[in-house]
């Protein structure tokens, strides 16, 4: 039996945001205390023009509107993907493992 794609029924904006948060967590590489496989995110990128850089990737600002949308963060927290902290967010192990199917679509390779 094949696994259902998007079993939590995240909407497109939630999927894009989770994809970006997963990558930021990988880049920052700050394991969270208390849950193996969970990571802390302490800063978010800022767009310059119509894009921003995320490690070796370039991301369209249009794909990142959920990074500054409180409703998206609340929904991802409610579904167990994130835990809000005072000055950071914890991406749960479930959040890190969730296959959004969008990494290759919104994270574009960069040559600079």
N, C-alpha and C. Protein backbone atom coordinates (compact mmCIF):
# COMPACT_ATOMS: atom_id res chain seq x y z
N UNK A 1 0.84 -1.18 0.00
CA UNK A 1 0.00 0.00 0.00
C UNK A 1 0.89 1.25 0.00
N UNK A 2 0.68 2.13 -0.91
CA UNK A 2 1.47 3.35 -1.03
C UNK A 2 1.08 4.35 0.05
N UNK A 3 2.07 5.13 0.51
CA UNK A 3 1.79 6.16 1.49
C UNK A 3 1.06 7.32 0.83
N UNK A 4 0.10 7.88 1.55
CA UNK A 4 -0.64 9.01 1.02
C UNK A 4 0.26 10.24 0.98
N UNK A 5 0.27 10.93 -0.15
CA UNK A 5 0.99 12.20 -0.24
C UNK A 5 0.21 13.23 0.56
N UNK A 6 0.93 14.02 1.35
CA UNK A 6 0.34 15.08 2.14
C UNK A 6 -0.76 14.56 3.08
N UNK A 7 -0.42 13.60 3.95
CA UNK A 7 -1.43 13.00 4.82
C UNK A 7 -2.08 13.99 5.80
N UNK A 8 -1.43 15.11 6.10
CA UNK A 8 -2.03 16.10 7.00
C UNK A 8 -2.87 17.13 6.25
N UNK A 9 -2.97 16.97 4.94
CA UNK A 9 -3.74 17.89 4.10
C UNK A 9 -3.32 19.35 4.29
N UNK A 10 -2.00 19.57 4.31
CA UNK A 10 -1.50 20.94 4.38
C UNK A 10 -1.85 21.65 3.08
N UNK A 11 -2.22 22.92 3.20
CA UNK A 11 -2.53 23.67 1.97
C UNK A 11 -1.23 24.08 1.29
N UNK A 12 -1.29 24.58 0.06
CA UNK A 12 -0.07 24.92 -0.68
C UNK A 12 0.85 25.90 0.06
N UNK A 13 0.29 26.91 0.72
CA UNK A 13 1.12 27.87 1.44
C UNK A 13 1.80 27.22 2.64
N UNK A 14 1.09 26.35 3.33
CA UNK A 14 1.68 25.62 4.46
C UNK A 14 2.79 24.69 3.98
N UNK A 15 2.59 24.02 2.86
CA UNK A 15 3.61 23.12 2.30
C UNK A 15 4.87 23.90 1.92
N UNK A 16 4.71 25.04 1.26
CA UNK A 16 5.86 25.84 0.87
C UNK A 16 6.61 26.33 2.10
N UNK A 17 5.87 26.80 3.09
CA UNK A 17 6.49 27.33 4.30
C UNK A 17 7.24 26.22 5.03
N UNK A 18 6.64 25.06 5.16
CA UNK A 18 7.31 23.94 5.83
C UNK A 18 8.57 23.54 5.08
N UNK A 19 8.51 23.53 3.77
CA UNK A 19 9.70 23.20 2.96
C UNK A 19 10.84 24.16 3.28
N UNK A 20 10.54 25.45 3.34
CA UNK A 20 11.56 26.46 3.62
C UNK A 20 12.08 26.33 5.05
N UNK A 21 11.18 26.11 6.00
CA UNK A 21 11.59 25.98 7.40
C UNK A 21 12.46 24.74 7.58
N UNK A 22 12.13 23.65 6.91
CA UNK A 22 12.97 22.44 6.98
C UNK A 22 14.39 22.76 6.49
N UNK A 23 14.49 23.49 5.39
CA UNK A 23 15.81 23.80 4.84
C UNK A 23 16.58 24.76 5.74
N UNK A 24 15.90 25.73 6.31
CA UNK A 24 16.56 26.65 7.25
C UNK A 24 17.08 25.86 8.45
N UNK A 25 16.28 24.92 8.94
CA UNK A 25 16.71 24.09 10.08
C UNK A 25 17.94 23.26 9.71
N UNK A 26 17.99 22.74 8.50
CA UNK A 26 19.16 21.97 8.06
C UNK A 26 20.40 22.86 7.99
N UNK A 27 20.22 24.07 7.49
CA UNK A 27 21.34 25.00 7.36
C UNK A 27 21.85 25.43 8.73
N UNK A 28 20.93 25.83 9.62
CA UNK A 28 21.34 26.28 10.96
C UNK A 28 21.91 25.12 11.78
N UNK A 29 21.37 23.93 11.58
CA UNK A 29 21.86 22.71 12.23
C UNK A 29 22.00 22.85 13.75
N UNK A 30 20.89 23.27 14.39
CA UNK A 30 20.85 23.42 15.84
C UNK A 30 19.83 22.42 16.40
N UNK A 31 20.29 21.23 16.79
CA UNK A 31 19.35 20.23 17.34
C UNK A 31 18.59 20.79 18.54
N UNK A 32 17.32 20.47 18.61
CA UNK A 32 16.48 20.89 19.74
C UNK A 32 16.70 19.94 20.90
N UNK A 33 16.58 20.48 22.09
CA UNK A 33 16.70 19.64 23.28
C UNK A 33 15.38 18.90 23.50
N UNK A 34 15.48 17.66 23.91
CA UNK A 34 14.29 16.93 24.31
C UNK A 34 13.62 16.08 23.23
N UNK A 35 13.96 16.28 21.98
CA UNK A 35 13.35 15.46 20.92
C UNK A 35 14.40 15.19 19.84
N UNK A 36 14.77 13.94 19.72
CA UNK A 36 15.72 13.57 18.68
C UNK A 36 15.11 13.80 17.31
N UNK A 37 15.88 14.41 16.43
CA UNK A 37 15.40 14.69 15.07
C UNK A 37 14.72 16.03 14.93
N UNK A 38 14.54 16.77 16.04
CA UNK A 38 13.95 18.10 15.99
C UNK A 38 15.07 19.13 15.94
N UNK A 39 14.81 20.27 15.30
CA UNK A 39 15.82 21.31 15.14
C UNK A 39 15.21 22.68 15.43
N UNK A 40 16.07 23.58 15.90
CA UNK A 40 15.67 24.96 16.17
C UNK A 40 15.95 25.83 14.94
N UNK A 41 15.08 26.79 14.72
CA UNK A 41 15.29 27.82 13.70
C UNK A 41 15.27 29.14 14.44
N UNK A 42 16.35 29.89 14.32
CA UNK A 42 16.48 31.13 15.08
C UNK A 42 16.43 32.39 14.24
N UNK A 43 16.50 32.25 12.93
CA UNK A 43 16.40 33.44 12.08
C UNK A 43 15.79 33.06 10.73
N UNK A 44 15.09 34.03 10.17
CA UNK A 44 14.46 33.85 8.87
C UNK A 44 15.15 34.74 7.85
N UNK A 45 15.23 34.27 6.61
CA UNK A 45 15.86 35.10 5.56
C UNK A 45 14.98 36.27 5.17
N UNK A 46 15.60 37.28 4.63
CA UNK A 46 14.88 38.46 4.13
C UNK A 46 15.12 38.56 2.63
N UNK A 47 14.05 38.81 1.90
CA UNK A 47 14.15 38.93 0.45
C UNK A 47 14.83 40.23 0.06
N UNK A 48 15.58 40.18 -1.02
CA UNK A 48 16.06 41.40 -1.66
C UNK A 48 15.57 41.31 -3.09
N UNK A 49 14.71 42.25 -3.41
CA UNK A 49 14.05 42.18 -4.71
C UNK A 49 13.00 41.08 -4.69
N UNK A 50 13.05 40.23 -5.70
CA UNK A 50 12.03 39.19 -5.83
C UNK A 50 12.52 37.82 -5.38
N UNK A 51 13.65 37.78 -4.64
CA UNK A 51 14.19 36.49 -4.23
C UNK A 51 15.03 36.64 -2.96
N UNK A 52 15.43 35.51 -2.42
CA UNK A 52 16.42 35.51 -1.34
C UNK A 52 17.24 34.25 -1.46
N UNK A 53 18.35 34.25 -0.75
CA UNK A 53 19.27 33.11 -0.78
C UNK A 53 19.07 32.29 0.49
N UNK A 54 19.07 31.00 0.32
CA UNK A 54 18.92 30.07 1.43
C UNK A 54 19.99 29.00 1.25
N UNK A 55 21.13 29.22 1.89
CA UNK A 55 22.26 28.32 1.67
C UNK A 55 22.67 28.40 0.22
N UNK A 56 22.71 27.26 -0.44
CA UNK A 56 23.11 27.23 -1.85
C UNK A 56 21.94 27.43 -2.80
N UNK A 57 20.78 27.68 -2.25
CA UNK A 57 19.57 27.83 -3.06
C UNK A 57 19.15 29.29 -3.21
N UNK A 58 18.40 29.54 -4.27
CA UNK A 58 17.72 30.81 -4.47
C UNK A 58 16.23 30.49 -4.41
N UNK A 59 15.49 31.33 -3.69
CA UNK A 59 14.06 31.11 -3.50
C UNK A 59 13.31 32.35 -3.94
N UNK A 60 12.26 32.17 -4.70
CA UNK A 60 11.42 33.28 -5.11
C UNK A 60 10.68 33.82 -3.89
N UNK A 61 10.64 35.14 -3.75
CA UNK A 61 9.91 35.74 -2.64
C UNK A 61 8.44 35.33 -2.67
N UNK A 62 7.90 35.08 -3.85
CA UNK A 62 6.50 34.65 -3.98
C UNK A 62 6.26 33.28 -3.33
N UNK A 63 7.29 32.45 -3.24
CA UNK A 63 7.15 31.14 -2.60
C UNK A 63 7.35 31.20 -1.10
N UNK A 64 7.67 32.38 -0.57
CA UNK A 64 8.00 32.49 0.84
C UNK A 64 7.04 33.38 1.63
N UNK A 65 5.89 33.68 1.08
CA UNK A 65 4.97 34.58 1.77
C UNK A 65 4.49 34.00 3.11
N UNK A 66 4.48 32.70 3.25
CA UNK A 66 4.05 32.08 4.50
C UNK A 66 5.02 32.26 5.64
N UNK A 67 6.28 32.63 5.35
CA UNK A 67 7.26 32.83 6.42
C UNK A 67 6.87 33.97 7.36
N UNK A 68 6.05 34.87 6.88
CA UNK A 68 5.64 36.02 7.69
C UNK A 68 4.12 36.06 7.85
N UNK A 69 3.50 34.89 7.80
CA UNK A 69 2.04 34.78 7.92
C UNK A 69 1.73 33.99 9.19
N UNK A 70 1.24 34.67 10.21
CA UNK A 70 0.99 34.04 11.50
C UNK A 70 0.02 32.86 11.40
N UNK A 71 -0.97 32.95 10.52
CA UNK A 71 -1.95 31.86 10.39
C UNK A 71 -1.29 30.57 9.91
N UNK A 72 -0.30 30.69 9.05
CA UNK A 72 0.42 29.52 8.56
C UNK A 72 1.19 28.87 9.70
N UNK A 73 1.87 29.69 10.51
CA UNK A 73 2.64 29.17 11.64
C UNK A 73 1.73 28.47 12.65
N UNK A 74 0.57 29.07 12.91
CA UNK A 74 -0.38 28.47 13.86
C UNK A 74 -0.87 27.12 13.33
N UNK A 75 -1.18 27.05 12.05
CA UNK A 75 -1.65 25.79 11.46
C UNK A 75 -0.57 24.71 11.52
N UNK A 76 0.67 25.08 11.21
CA UNK A 76 1.76 24.10 11.26
C UNK A 76 2.03 23.64 12.69
N UNK A 77 1.85 24.54 13.64
CA UNK A 77 2.02 24.15 15.04
C UNK A 77 0.87 23.22 15.46
N UNK A 78 -0.33 23.55 15.10
CA UNK A 78 -1.51 22.73 15.44
C UNK A 78 -1.38 21.32 14.88
N UNK A 79 -0.74 21.19 13.71
CA UNK A 79 -0.59 19.88 13.07
C UNK A 79 0.67 19.14 13.51
N UNK A 80 1.40 19.73 14.49
CA UNK A 80 2.54 19.05 15.07
C UNK A 80 3.85 19.18 14.31
N UNK A 81 3.92 20.10 13.37
CA UNK A 81 5.13 20.28 12.59
C UNK A 81 6.12 21.22 13.27
N UNK A 82 5.61 22.15 14.06
CA UNK A 82 6.42 23.18 14.72
C UNK A 82 5.99 23.33 16.17
N UNK A 83 6.90 23.91 16.97
CA UNK A 83 6.60 24.35 18.33
C UNK A 83 7.18 25.75 18.48
N UNK A 84 6.34 26.71 18.79
CA UNK A 84 6.81 28.08 18.97
C UNK A 84 7.61 28.19 20.26
N UNK A 85 8.68 28.95 20.20
CA UNK A 85 9.51 29.28 21.34
C UNK A 85 9.55 30.80 21.44
N UNK A 86 10.17 31.34 22.46
CA UNK A 86 10.20 32.79 22.65
C UNK A 86 10.85 33.52 21.49
N UNK A 87 12.07 33.14 21.12
CA UNK A 87 12.79 33.82 20.05
C UNK A 87 13.18 32.88 18.93
N UNK A 88 12.47 31.79 18.81
CA UNK A 88 12.80 30.81 17.79
C UNK A 88 11.58 29.91 17.57
N UNK A 89 11.76 28.96 16.69
CA UNK A 89 10.74 27.94 16.47
C UNK A 89 11.45 26.60 16.43
N UNK A 90 10.82 25.60 16.98
CA UNK A 90 11.36 24.25 16.93
C UNK A 90 10.61 23.49 15.84
N UNK A 91 11.35 22.95 14.91
CA UNK A 91 10.75 22.08 13.89
C UNK A 91 10.82 20.68 14.47
N UNK A 92 9.66 20.09 14.71
CA UNK A 92 9.61 18.77 15.33
C UNK A 92 10.23 17.72 14.41
N UNK A 93 10.50 16.56 14.98
CA UNK A 93 11.00 15.45 14.15
C UNK A 93 10.00 15.13 13.05
N UNK A 94 8.71 15.16 13.39
CA UNK A 94 7.68 14.91 12.37
C UNK A 94 7.71 15.98 11.30
N UNK A 95 7.96 17.23 11.69
CA UNK A 95 8.05 18.33 10.73
C UNK A 95 9.25 18.20 9.82
N UNK A 96 10.37 17.75 10.38
CA UNK A 96 11.57 17.55 9.56
C UNK A 96 11.38 16.39 8.58
N UNK A 97 10.64 15.38 8.98
CA UNK A 97 10.48 14.18 8.15
C UNK A 97 9.35 14.30 7.13
N UNK A 98 8.50 15.30 7.27
CA UNK A 98 7.32 15.41 6.40
C UNK A 98 7.76 15.71 4.97
N UNK A 99 7.33 14.89 4.03
CA UNK A 99 7.67 15.08 2.63
C UNK A 99 6.66 16.02 1.98
N UNK A 100 7.08 17.26 1.77
CA UNK A 100 6.18 18.23 1.16
C UNK A 100 6.08 18.06 -0.35
N UNK A 101 7.07 17.42 -0.93
CA UNK A 101 7.09 17.24 -2.38
C UNK A 101 7.46 18.49 -3.15
N UNK A 102 7.91 19.53 -2.43
CA UNK A 102 8.17 20.81 -3.10
C UNK A 102 9.63 21.23 -3.15
N UNK A 103 10.51 20.52 -2.48
CA UNK A 103 11.90 20.96 -2.40
C UNK A 103 12.48 21.28 -3.78
N UNK A 104 12.32 20.39 -4.73
CA UNK A 104 12.87 20.61 -6.06
C UNK A 104 12.12 21.68 -6.85
N UNK A 105 10.94 22.04 -6.39
CA UNK A 105 10.14 23.02 -7.11
C UNK A 105 10.37 24.46 -6.65
N UNK A 106 10.71 24.64 -5.36
CA UNK A 106 10.86 26.01 -4.87
C UNK A 106 12.28 26.36 -4.44
N UNK A 107 13.14 25.36 -4.25
CA UNK A 107 14.54 25.62 -3.92
C UNK A 107 15.36 25.42 -5.19
N UNK A 108 15.82 26.53 -5.76
CA UNK A 108 16.53 26.49 -7.03
C UNK A 108 18.03 26.61 -6.79
N UNK A 109 18.81 25.78 -7.46
CA UNK A 109 20.26 25.81 -7.33
C UNK A 109 20.82 27.16 -7.71
N UNK A 110 21.89 27.56 -7.03
CA UNK A 110 22.50 28.86 -7.27
C UNK A 110 23.95 28.67 -7.70
N UNK A 111 24.43 29.56 -8.54
CA UNK A 111 25.83 29.51 -8.95
C UNK A 111 26.62 30.68 -8.37
N UNK A 112 26.01 31.42 -7.42
CA UNK A 112 26.74 32.50 -6.76
C UNK A 112 26.43 32.57 -5.29
